[in-house]
């Protein structure tokens, strides 16, 4: 489930529903943008605003995502990873944007909590399998 969960109104119900499609040893991979990503921090410094994706119903940080998983009692967290940006900084970008992108990378490479995205791998617990 890549960059989907932030688009739904009820992530607990979504996870509950998805569990029906997993085998007893199944795992669910979920990625989502990080609510504390550095590019938003930089945009607030630059223009006192940040880009808001109006298609997103929710924004997660790892802690809020863990809270959602804990509300679905038959999933447990198998692994967690910070994910990097997929953009390439090159000379076609405006100078100011290149500087923001470079600082963005510097921040999230030095402090993982500023990473742009993260991924959880969930697995079904025995409670669901029985």
N, C-alpha and C. Protein backbone atom coordinates (compact mmCIF):
# COMPACT_ATOMS: atom_id res chain seq x y z
N UNK A 1 0.86 -1.15 0.00
CA UNK A 1 0.00 0.00 0.00
C UNK A 1 0.92 1.23 0.00
N UNK A 2 1.30 1.66 -1.19
CA UNK A 2 2.28 2.73 -1.32
C UNK A 2 1.57 4.08 -1.47
N UNK A 3 1.78 4.95 -0.49
CA UNK A 3 1.21 6.30 -0.48
C UNK A 3 -0.30 6.29 -0.71
N UNK A 4 -0.97 5.45 0.05
CA UNK A 4 -2.43 5.34 -0.03
C UNK A 4 -3.08 5.77 1.28
N UNK A 5 -2.52 5.35 2.39
CA UNK A 5 -3.20 5.47 3.68
C UNK A 5 -3.51 6.92 4.06
N UNK A 6 -2.70 7.86 3.58
CA UNK A 6 -2.95 9.27 3.91
C UNK A 6 -4.15 9.83 3.14
N UNK A 7 -4.70 9.07 2.20
CA UNK A 7 -5.84 9.52 1.40
C UNK A 7 -7.20 9.06 1.94
N UNK A 8 -7.19 8.24 2.98
CA UNK A 8 -8.44 7.69 3.48
C UNK A 8 -8.88 8.39 4.76
N UNK A 9 -10.17 8.39 5.01
CA UNK A 9 -10.69 9.04 6.21
C UNK A 9 -10.54 8.19 7.46
N UNK A 10 -10.52 6.88 7.32
CA UNK A 10 -10.48 5.99 8.47
C UNK A 10 -9.41 4.92 8.25
N UNK A 11 -8.15 5.20 8.61
CA UNK A 11 -7.09 4.23 8.37
C UNK A 11 -7.23 2.94 9.17
N UNK A 12 -7.87 3.00 10.33
CA UNK A 12 -8.08 1.79 11.13
C UNK A 12 -8.99 0.82 10.37
N UNK A 13 -10.07 1.33 9.82
CA UNK A 13 -10.97 0.49 9.03
C UNK A 13 -10.29 -0.04 7.78
N UNK A 14 -9.48 0.79 7.15
CA UNK A 14 -8.75 0.34 5.95
C UNK A 14 -7.84 -0.84 6.27
N UNK A 15 -7.07 -0.73 7.34
CA UNK A 15 -6.18 -1.83 7.72
C UNK A 15 -6.98 -3.08 8.09
N UNK A 16 -8.07 -2.90 8.77
CA UNK A 16 -8.92 -4.05 9.12
C UNK A 16 -9.42 -4.74 7.87
N UNK A 17 -9.85 -3.96 6.91
CA UNK A 17 -10.35 -4.52 5.65
C UNK A 17 -9.25 -5.22 4.87
N UNK A 18 -8.09 -4.62 4.79
CA UNK A 18 -6.97 -5.22 4.05
C UNK A 18 -6.52 -6.53 4.66
N UNK A 19 -6.67 -6.68 5.96
CA UNK A 19 -6.22 -7.90 6.62
C UNK A 19 -6.93 -9.14 6.07
N UNK A 20 -8.13 -8.95 5.55
CA UNK A 20 -8.90 -10.08 5.00
C UNK A 20 -8.20 -10.71 3.79
N UNK A 21 -7.37 -9.95 3.10
CA UNK A 21 -6.74 -10.41 1.88
C UNK A 21 -5.37 -11.04 2.11
N UNK A 22 -4.92 -11.06 3.35
CA UNK A 22 -3.60 -11.61 3.66
C UNK A 22 -3.70 -13.06 4.11
N UNK A 23 -2.74 -13.84 3.68
CA UNK A 23 -2.63 -15.21 4.19
C UNK A 23 -2.15 -15.14 5.64
N UNK A 24 -2.16 -16.27 6.32
CA UNK A 24 -1.80 -16.27 7.74
C UNK A 24 -0.38 -15.76 7.99
N UNK A 25 0.51 -15.88 7.02
CA UNK A 25 1.87 -15.37 7.19
C UNK A 25 2.09 -14.10 6.36
N UNK A 26 1.01 -13.48 5.93
CA UNK A 26 1.09 -12.32 5.05
C UNK A 26 1.61 -11.08 5.74
N UNK A 27 2.17 -10.20 4.92
CA UNK A 27 2.67 -8.93 5.41
C UNK A 27 2.11 -7.82 4.54
N UNK A 28 2.00 -6.65 5.13
CA UNK A 28 1.48 -5.49 4.44
C UNK A 28 2.54 -4.39 4.50
N UNK A 29 2.96 -3.91 3.33
CA UNK A 29 3.95 -2.84 3.24
C UNK A 29 3.19 -1.53 3.03
N UNK A 30 3.47 -0.55 3.88
CA UNK A 30 2.78 0.74 3.81
C UNK A 30 3.82 1.85 3.80
N UNK A 31 3.72 2.74 2.81
CA UNK A 31 4.54 3.95 2.79
C UNK A 31 3.62 5.16 2.84
N UNK A 32 4.14 6.24 3.38
CA UNK A 32 3.37 7.49 3.46
C UNK A 32 4.34 8.65 3.64
N UNK A 33 3.96 9.84 3.20
CA UNK A 33 4.81 11.01 3.48
C UNK A 33 4.90 11.28 4.97
N UNK A 34 6.03 11.80 5.38
CA UNK A 34 6.27 12.14 6.78
C UNK A 34 5.70 13.53 7.07
N UNK A 35 4.88 13.64 8.08
CA UNK A 35 4.30 14.93 8.45
C UNK A 35 5.36 15.93 8.91
N UNK A 36 6.53 15.44 9.29
CA UNK A 36 7.60 16.31 9.79
C UNK A 36 8.76 16.42 8.81
N UNK A 37 8.48 16.28 7.55
CA UNK A 37 9.55 16.31 6.55
C UNK A 37 10.15 17.71 6.45
N UNK A 38 11.43 17.74 6.16
CA UNK A 38 12.19 18.99 6.20
C UNK A 38 11.78 19.98 5.11
N UNK A 39 11.31 19.53 3.97
CA UNK A 39 10.96 20.47 2.91
C UNK A 39 9.82 21.40 3.36
N UNK A 40 8.90 20.89 4.15
CA UNK A 40 7.83 21.75 4.67
C UNK A 40 8.39 22.78 5.66
N UNK A 41 9.31 22.34 6.48
CA UNK A 41 9.98 23.24 7.43
C UNK A 41 10.68 24.36 6.66
N UNK A 42 11.38 24.02 5.58
CA UNK A 42 12.07 25.02 4.78
C UNK A 42 11.10 25.97 4.08
N UNK A 43 9.99 25.44 3.61
CA UNK A 43 9.00 26.30 2.96
C UNK A 43 8.35 27.27 3.95
N UNK A 44 8.18 26.84 5.19
CA UNK A 44 7.65 27.74 6.22
C UNK A 44 8.64 28.87 6.48
N UNK A 45 9.94 28.55 6.54
CA UNK A 45 10.95 29.59 6.73
C UNK A 45 10.95 30.54 5.53
N UNK A 46 10.85 30.01 4.32
CA UNK A 46 10.91 30.82 3.10
C UNK A 46 9.68 31.70 2.92
N UNK A 47 8.49 31.13 3.09
CA UNK A 47 7.29 31.88 2.72
C UNK A 47 6.18 31.84 3.77
N UNK A 48 6.50 31.32 4.96
CA UNK A 48 5.52 31.18 6.03
C UNK A 48 4.33 30.33 5.59
N UNK A 49 4.60 29.37 4.72
CA UNK A 49 3.56 28.49 4.20
C UNK A 49 4.23 27.18 3.78
N UNK A 50 3.45 26.18 3.58
CA UNK A 50 3.96 24.92 3.03
C UNK A 50 2.94 24.37 2.06
N UNK A 51 3.43 23.57 1.15
CA UNK A 51 2.55 22.98 0.14
C UNK A 51 1.65 21.95 0.77
N UNK A 52 0.37 22.12 0.60
CA UNK A 52 -0.59 21.18 1.16
C UNK A 52 -1.22 20.38 0.03
N UNK A 53 -1.17 19.09 0.14
CA UNK A 53 -1.82 18.23 -0.84
C UNK A 53 -3.26 18.02 -0.36
N UNK A 54 -4.20 18.63 -1.05
CA UNK A 54 -5.59 18.58 -0.61
C UNK A 54 -6.22 17.20 -0.80
N UNK A 55 -5.53 16.31 -1.49
CA UNK A 55 -6.03 14.94 -1.61
C UNK A 55 -5.72 14.11 -0.36
N UNK A 56 -4.86 14.63 0.51
CA UNK A 56 -4.52 13.91 1.74
C UNK A 56 -5.54 14.24 2.82
N UNK A 57 -6.14 13.21 3.37
CA UNK A 57 -7.06 13.39 4.49
C UNK A 57 -6.31 13.51 5.80
N UNK A 58 -5.17 12.84 5.88
CA UNK A 58 -4.39 12.76 7.11
C UNK A 58 -2.90 12.88 6.79
N UNK A 59 -2.15 13.33 7.77
CA UNK A 59 -0.69 13.34 7.70
C UNK A 59 -0.18 12.54 8.89
N UNK A 60 0.79 11.67 8.64
CA UNK A 60 1.32 10.81 9.69
C UNK A 60 2.79 11.11 9.95
N UNK A 61 3.17 11.00 11.19
CA UNK A 61 4.56 10.82 11.57
C UNK A 61 4.63 9.37 12.05
N UNK A 62 5.81 8.83 12.28
CA UNK A 62 5.86 7.43 12.73
C UNK A 62 5.06 7.17 14.01
N UNK A 63 5.06 8.11 14.94
CA UNK A 63 4.33 7.88 16.19
C UNK A 63 2.82 7.82 15.98
N UNK A 64 2.28 8.69 15.14
CA UNK A 64 0.84 8.64 14.90
C UNK A 64 0.46 7.39 14.10
N UNK A 65 1.37 6.96 13.23
CA UNK A 65 1.09 5.74 12.48
C UNK A 65 1.09 4.53 13.41
N UNK A 66 2.02 4.48 14.35
CA UNK A 66 2.05 3.39 15.33
C UNK A 66 0.73 3.35 16.11
N UNK A 67 0.21 4.51 16.46
CA UNK A 67 -1.08 4.57 17.17
C UNK A 67 -2.19 3.94 16.35
N UNK A 68 -2.21 4.19 15.05
CA UNK A 68 -3.21 3.58 14.17
C UNK A 68 -3.06 2.06 14.18
N UNK A 69 -1.84 1.58 14.05
CA UNK A 69 -1.59 0.13 14.03
C UNK A 69 -2.03 -0.51 15.34
N UNK A 70 -1.77 0.15 16.45
CA UNK A 70 -2.17 -0.39 17.75
C UNK A 70 -3.68 -0.48 17.90
N UNK A 71 -4.41 0.31 17.18
CA UNK A 71 -5.88 0.25 17.23
C UNK A 71 -6.43 -0.90 16.41
N UNK A 72 -5.60 -1.49 15.56
CA UNK A 72 -5.98 -2.70 14.82
C UNK A 72 -5.24 -3.83 15.51
N UNK A 73 -5.88 -4.47 16.44
CA UNK A 73 -5.21 -5.37 17.38
C UNK A 73 -4.55 -6.57 16.73
N UNK A 74 -4.92 -6.94 15.53
CA UNK A 74 -4.36 -8.15 14.92
C UNK A 74 -3.21 -7.87 13.96
N UNK A 75 -2.70 -6.64 13.93
CA UNK A 75 -1.47 -6.33 13.20
C UNK A 75 -0.38 -6.00 14.19
N UNK A 76 0.84 -6.35 13.85
CA UNK A 76 1.99 -5.89 14.61
C UNK A 76 3.03 -5.39 13.63
N UNK A 77 3.91 -4.53 14.11
CA UNK A 77 4.93 -3.94 13.26
C UNK A 77 6.09 -4.91 13.12
N UNK A 78 6.41 -5.24 11.89
CA UNK A 78 7.52 -6.14 11.60
C UNK A 78 8.80 -5.34 11.37
N UNK A 79 8.70 -4.20 10.67
CA UNK A 79 9.88 -3.36 10.46
C UNK A 79 9.46 -1.93 10.13
N UNK A 80 10.43 -1.04 10.25
CA UNK A 80 10.24 0.38 9.97
C UNK A 80 11.47 0.88 9.24
N UNK A 81 11.27 1.77 8.27
CA UNK A 81 12.39 2.38 7.55
C UNK A 81 12.05 3.81 7.18
N UNK A 82 13.05 4.67 7.26
CA UNK A 82 12.92 6.01 6.69
C UNK A 82 13.20 5.89 5.21
N UNK A 83 12.50 6.65 4.39
CA UNK A 83 12.70 6.62 2.95
C UNK A 83 13.19 7.98 2.47
N UNK A 84 13.96 7.96 1.40
CA UNK A 84 14.54 9.18 0.85
C UNK A 84 13.66 9.74 -0.26
N UNK A 85 13.97 10.97 -0.65
CA UNK A 85 13.32 11.59 -1.81
C UNK A 85 13.76 10.89 -3.08
N UNK A 86 12.96 11.00 -4.09
CA UNK A 86 13.30 10.41 -5.37
C UNK A 86 13.64 11.48 -6.40
N UNK A 87 13.76 12.73 -5.98
CA UNK A 87 14.09 13.77 -6.94
C UNK A 87 15.60 13.87 -7.15
N UNK A 88 15.97 14.45 -8.28
CA UNK A 88 17.38 14.69 -8.61
C UNK A 88 17.55 16.19 -8.75
N UNK A 89 18.53 16.72 -8.05
CA UNK A 89 18.81 18.14 -8.14
C UNK A 89 19.71 18.35 -9.36
N UNK A 90 19.25 19.17 -10.30
CA UNK A 90 20.09 19.45 -11.46
C UNK A 90 19.94 20.91 -11.88
N UNK A 91 20.69 21.29 -12.88
CA UNK A 91 20.77 22.69 -13.29
C UNK A 91 19.47 23.21 -13.93
N UNK A 92 18.52 22.33 -14.22
CA UNK A 92 17.26 22.80 -14.81
C UNK A 92 16.34 23.44 -13.76
N UNK A 93 16.60 23.18 -12.49
CA UNK A 93 15.80 23.78 -11.42
C UNK A 93 16.25 25.22 -11.18
N UNK A 94 15.30 26.06 -10.79
CA UNK A 94 15.64 27.43 -10.40
C UNK A 94 16.64 27.39 -9.25
N UNK A 95 17.47 28.41 -9.16
CA UNK A 95 18.53 28.44 -8.15
C UNK A 95 17.97 28.31 -6.74
N UNK A 96 16.92 29.08 -6.42
CA UNK A 96 16.33 29.02 -5.07
C UNK A 96 15.81 27.64 -4.74
N UNK A 97 15.20 26.98 -5.72
CA UNK A 97 14.69 25.63 -5.51
C UNK A 97 15.84 24.65 -5.31
N UNK A 98 16.90 24.79 -6.08
CA UNK A 98 18.07 23.91 -5.91
C UNK A 98 18.65 24.06 -4.51
N UNK A 99 18.72 25.29 -4.01
CA UNK A 99 19.25 25.53 -2.66
C UNK A 99 18.34 24.87 -1.63
N UNK A 100 17.01 25.04 -1.74
CA UNK A 100 16.08 24.40 -0.80
C UNK A 100 16.20 22.88 -0.85
N UNK A 101 16.31 22.33 -2.05
CA UNK A 101 16.42 20.88 -2.19
C UNK A 101 17.72 20.37 -1.56
N UNK A 102 18.79 21.12 -1.73
CA UNK A 102 20.08 20.72 -1.16
C UNK A 102 20.01 20.77 0.37
N UNK A 103 19.45 21.86 0.92
CA UNK A 103 19.30 21.96 2.38
C UNK A 103 18.36 20.87 2.89
N UNK A 104 17.30 20.61 2.16
CA UNK A 104 16.37 19.54 2.50
C UNK A 104 17.12 18.22 2.66
N UNK A 105 17.91 17.87 1.67
CA UNK A 105 18.68 16.63 1.74
C UNK A 105 19.66 16.63 2.90
N UNK A 106 20.31 17.74 3.11
CA UNK A 106 21.25 17.85 4.23
C UNK A 106 20.55 17.60 5.56
N UNK A 107 19.35 18.19 5.72
CA UNK A 107 18.61 18.01 6.97
C UNK A 107 18.19 16.56 7.19
N UNK A 108 17.55 15.93 6.18
CA UNK A 108 17.05 14.59 6.44
C UNK A 108 18.14 13.54 6.42
N UNK A 109 19.26 13.84 5.83
CA UNK A 109 20.37 12.88 5.92
C UNK A 109 21.07 12.97 7.27
N UNK A 110 20.98 14.14 7.91
CA UNK A 110 21.62 14.30 9.22
C UNK A 110 20.66 14.00 10.37
N UNK A 111 19.36 14.19 10.15
CA UNK A 111 18.33 13.92 11.16
C UNK A 111 17.20 13.15 10.49
N UNK A 112 17.14 11.87 10.72
CA UNK A 112 16.17 11.01 10.02
C UNK A 112 14.72 11.43 10.24
N UNK A 113 14.42 12.07 11.36
CA UNK A 113 13.04 12.50 11.60
C UNK A 113 12.55 13.54 10.58
N UNK A 114 13.46 14.13 9.82
CA UNK A 114 13.10 15.06 8.75
C UNK A 114 12.92 14.34 7.41
N UNK A 115 13.07 13.03 7.38
CA UNK A 115 12.96 12.30 6.12
C UNK A 115 11.62 12.55 5.45
N UNK A 116 11.60 12.53 4.13
CA UNK A 116 10.37 12.86 3.41
C UNK A 116 9.27 11.80 3.52
N UNK A 117 9.66 10.55 3.67
CA UNK A 117 8.69 9.45 3.69
C UNK A 117 9.17 8.38 4.66
N UNK A 118 8.26 7.50 5.02
CA UNK A 118 8.66 6.34 5.82
C UNK A 118 7.83 5.13 5.40
N UNK A 119 8.31 3.99 5.85
CA UNK A 119 7.66 2.72 5.49
C UNK A 119 7.55 1.83 6.71
N UNK A 120 6.39 1.23 6.88
CA UNK A 120 6.18 0.20 7.88
C UNK A 120 5.82 -1.10 7.15
N UNK A 121 6.33 -2.20 7.66
CA UNK A 121 5.89 -3.52 7.22
C UNK A 121 5.14 -4.12 8.40
N UNK A 122 3.87 -4.44 8.16
CA UNK A 122 3.02 -5.01 9.20
C UNK A 122 2.81 -6.49 8.93
N UNK A 123 2.64 -7.25 9.99
CA UNK A 123 2.30 -8.66 9.83
C UNK A 123 1.11 -8.98 10.72
N UNK A 124 0.37 -9.97 10.29
CA UNK A 124 -0.78 -10.41 11.08
C UNK A 124 -0.29 -11.10 12.34
N UNK A 125 -0.99 -10.86 13.43
CA UNK A 125 -0.68 -11.58 14.67
C UNK A 125 -1.45 -12.89 14.69
N UNK A 126 -1.15 -13.70 15.64
CA UNK A 126 -1.86 -14.98 15.79
C UNK A 126 -3.33 -14.80 16.10
N UNK A 127 -3.68 -13.65 16.73
CA UNK A 127 -5.08 -13.39 17.07
C UNK A 127 -5.97 -13.40 15.82
N UNK A 128 -5.48 -12.88 14.73
CA UNK A 128 -6.27 -12.81 13.50
C UNK A 128 -6.31 -14.17 12.81
N UNK A 129 -5.26 -14.94 12.95
CA UNK A 129 -5.17 -16.23 12.25
C UNK A 129 -6.05 -17.30 12.86
N UNK A 130 -6.43 -17.12 14.09
CA UNK A 130 -7.20 -18.18 14.77
C UNK A 130 -8.67 -17.99 14.60
